[in-house]
Protein backbone atom coordinates (compact mmCIF):
# COMPACT_ATOMS: atom_id res chain seq x y z
CA MET A 1 -52.16 -129.99 36.88
CA ASP A 2 -55.46 -127.93 37.25
CA LYS A 3 -57.92 -126.83 34.38
CA VAL A 4 -59.35 -123.52 33.29
CA ILE A 5 -62.03 -124.28 30.62
CA ILE A 6 -63.50 -121.87 27.78
CA LYS A 7 -66.50 -123.83 26.46
CA ASN A 8 -68.36 -123.28 23.31
CA LEU A 9 -66.79 -119.76 22.24
CA LEU A 10 -68.36 -118.72 19.08
CA ALA A 11 -66.46 -116.95 16.55
CA ARG A 12 -67.35 -115.94 12.93
CA GLY A 13 -64.56 -116.11 10.40
CA ILE A 14 -63.23 -117.30 7.14
CA LEU A 15 -62.12 -121.08 7.31
CA GLY A 16 -62.17 -123.67 4.61
CA ILE A 17 -60.73 -124.47 1.22
CA ARG A 18 -63.76 -124.17 -0.96
CA ASP A 19 -64.48 -121.00 -2.81
CA TRP A 20 -67.81 -120.39 -1.02
CA GLU A 21 -66.00 -120.90 2.44
CA ARG A 22 -63.75 -118.07 1.36
CA LYS A 23 -66.43 -115.60 0.49
CA ARG A 24 -68.25 -115.00 3.81
CA PRO A 25 -67.60 -115.67 7.57
CA GLN A 26 -69.13 -118.87 9.05
CA ASP A 27 -69.46 -120.06 12.72
CA ILE A 28 -66.34 -121.49 14.26
CA LEU A 29 -66.93 -123.20 17.65
CA ILE A 30 -63.85 -123.18 19.89
CA ASN A 31 -63.19 -125.06 23.21
CA VAL A 32 -60.02 -124.59 25.18
CA THR A 33 -58.61 -126.32 28.17
CA LEU A 34 -55.79 -124.45 29.81
CA PHE A 35 -53.51 -126.31 32.17
CA THR A 36 -52.25 -124.39 35.07
CA ASP A 37 -51.42 -124.47 38.62
CA THR A 38 -54.09 -122.52 40.47
CA ARG A 39 -52.68 -122.89 44.15
CA ARG A 40 -51.00 -119.54 44.27
CA ALA A 41 -54.15 -117.79 42.67
CA ALA A 42 -56.29 -119.44 45.32
CA GLU A 43 -53.99 -118.44 48.09
CA THR A 44 -53.57 -114.75 46.79
CA ASP A 45 -57.09 -114.21 45.11
CA ASN A 46 -55.17 -112.01 42.66
CA ILE A 47 -55.96 -112.04 38.84
CA ASN A 48 -52.11 -111.67 38.31
CA ASP A 49 -51.60 -115.26 39.52
CA CYS A 50 -54.36 -116.75 37.48
CA ALA A 51 -54.74 -117.89 33.85
CA ASP A 52 -56.78 -114.95 32.76
CA TYR A 53 -59.47 -116.70 30.75
CA SER A 54 -61.25 -113.47 29.85
CA ALA A 55 -57.95 -112.27 28.05
CA VAL A 56 -57.32 -115.59 26.40
CA ALA A 57 -61.00 -115.86 25.12
CA LYS A 58 -60.69 -112.34 23.41
CA LYS A 59 -57.28 -113.30 21.77
CA VAL A 60 -58.52 -116.56 20.65
CA GLN A 61 -61.85 -115.32 19.19
CA ALA A 62 -60.03 -112.22 17.48
CA HIS A 63 -57.57 -114.54 15.79
CA ALA A 64 -60.26 -117.09 14.74
CA GLU A 65 -62.28 -114.13 13.22
CA SER A 66 -59.26 -112.52 11.43
CA ALA A 67 -56.92 -115.35 10.47
CA GLY A 68 -58.64 -116.63 7.22
CA ARG A 69 -57.09 -120.14 7.47
CA PHE A 70 -57.63 -122.87 5.01
CA THR A 71 -57.73 -125.83 7.49
CA VAL A 72 -59.12 -126.27 11.02
CA GLU A 73 -55.78 -127.95 11.96
CA ALA A 74 -53.97 -124.76 11.24
CA LEU A 75 -56.27 -122.72 13.12
CA ALA A 76 -56.31 -124.98 16.04
CA ASN A 77 -52.41 -124.88 16.14
CA ASP A 78 -52.74 -121.15 15.97
CA LEU A 79 -55.09 -120.83 18.94
CA ALA A 80 -52.77 -123.32 20.96
CA GLY A 81 -49.80 -120.98 20.43
CA ILE A 82 -51.78 -118.11 21.64
CA CYS A 83 -52.83 -119.89 24.79
CA LEU A 84 -49.12 -121.10 25.53
CA GLY A 85 -48.23 -117.48 25.20
CA GLU A 86 -49.83 -116.71 28.49
CA ARG A 87 -47.50 -116.79 31.53
CA ASN A 88 -49.46 -119.27 33.71
CA VAL A 89 -50.60 -121.70 30.99
CA ARG A 90 -48.28 -124.99 30.80
CA ASN A 91 -50.36 -127.30 28.39
CA VAL A 92 -53.60 -126.64 26.39
CA ILE A 93 -56.22 -128.64 24.65
CA VAL A 94 -57.80 -126.77 21.72
CA ARG A 95 -60.82 -128.00 19.79
CA VAL A 96 -62.03 -126.14 16.66
CA GLU A 97 -65.25 -127.11 15.05
CA LYS A 98 -67.39 -125.95 12.03
CA PRO A 99 -70.95 -126.28 12.91
CA GLY A 100 -72.95 -127.85 9.91
CA ALA A 101 -69.96 -128.43 7.73
CA VAL A 102 -71.00 -131.78 6.86
CA ARG A 103 -74.65 -132.95 6.01
CA PHE A 104 -76.03 -134.99 8.77
CA ALA A 105 -73.43 -134.03 11.31
CA GLU A 106 -73.77 -131.42 13.95
CA SER A 107 -70.25 -130.33 13.32
CA VAL A 108 -66.76 -131.50 12.48
CA GLY A 109 -63.48 -130.44 13.93
CA VAL A 110 -60.16 -131.33 15.27
CA GLU A 111 -58.80 -131.42 18.62
CA ILE A 112 -55.03 -130.91 19.53
CA GLU A 113 -53.10 -131.01 22.61
CA ARG A 114 -49.90 -128.89 22.98
CA SER A 115 -47.31 -127.99 25.85
CA ARG A 116 -44.56 -125.51 26.20
CA ASP A 117 -42.13 -128.42 26.21
CA GLU A 118 -42.82 -129.07 22.49
């Protein structure tokens, strides 16, 4: 399987369980790897045969900014479902991080892998 990568997509949204995390948006860093077969897209050079990373990035960012999830795990699962809703995506790896959430750590987060078969 080929890969389409969306690296370090920044969103600002409500994410967390603490009262202060629920009051104002914070940075959410998202990385997505879309597994797809790019051979047809390479032959036709047509966006309709591609995994449209621009459309995926917009959907993922919009959801992260509006979902108001309590856990990183829930948000990551949401985003994986959005990605798998794309016609040419077979599997996906989604990593969601909260920069600066833990003292002395650059970020904390979760990475999940999902497929259409699950």
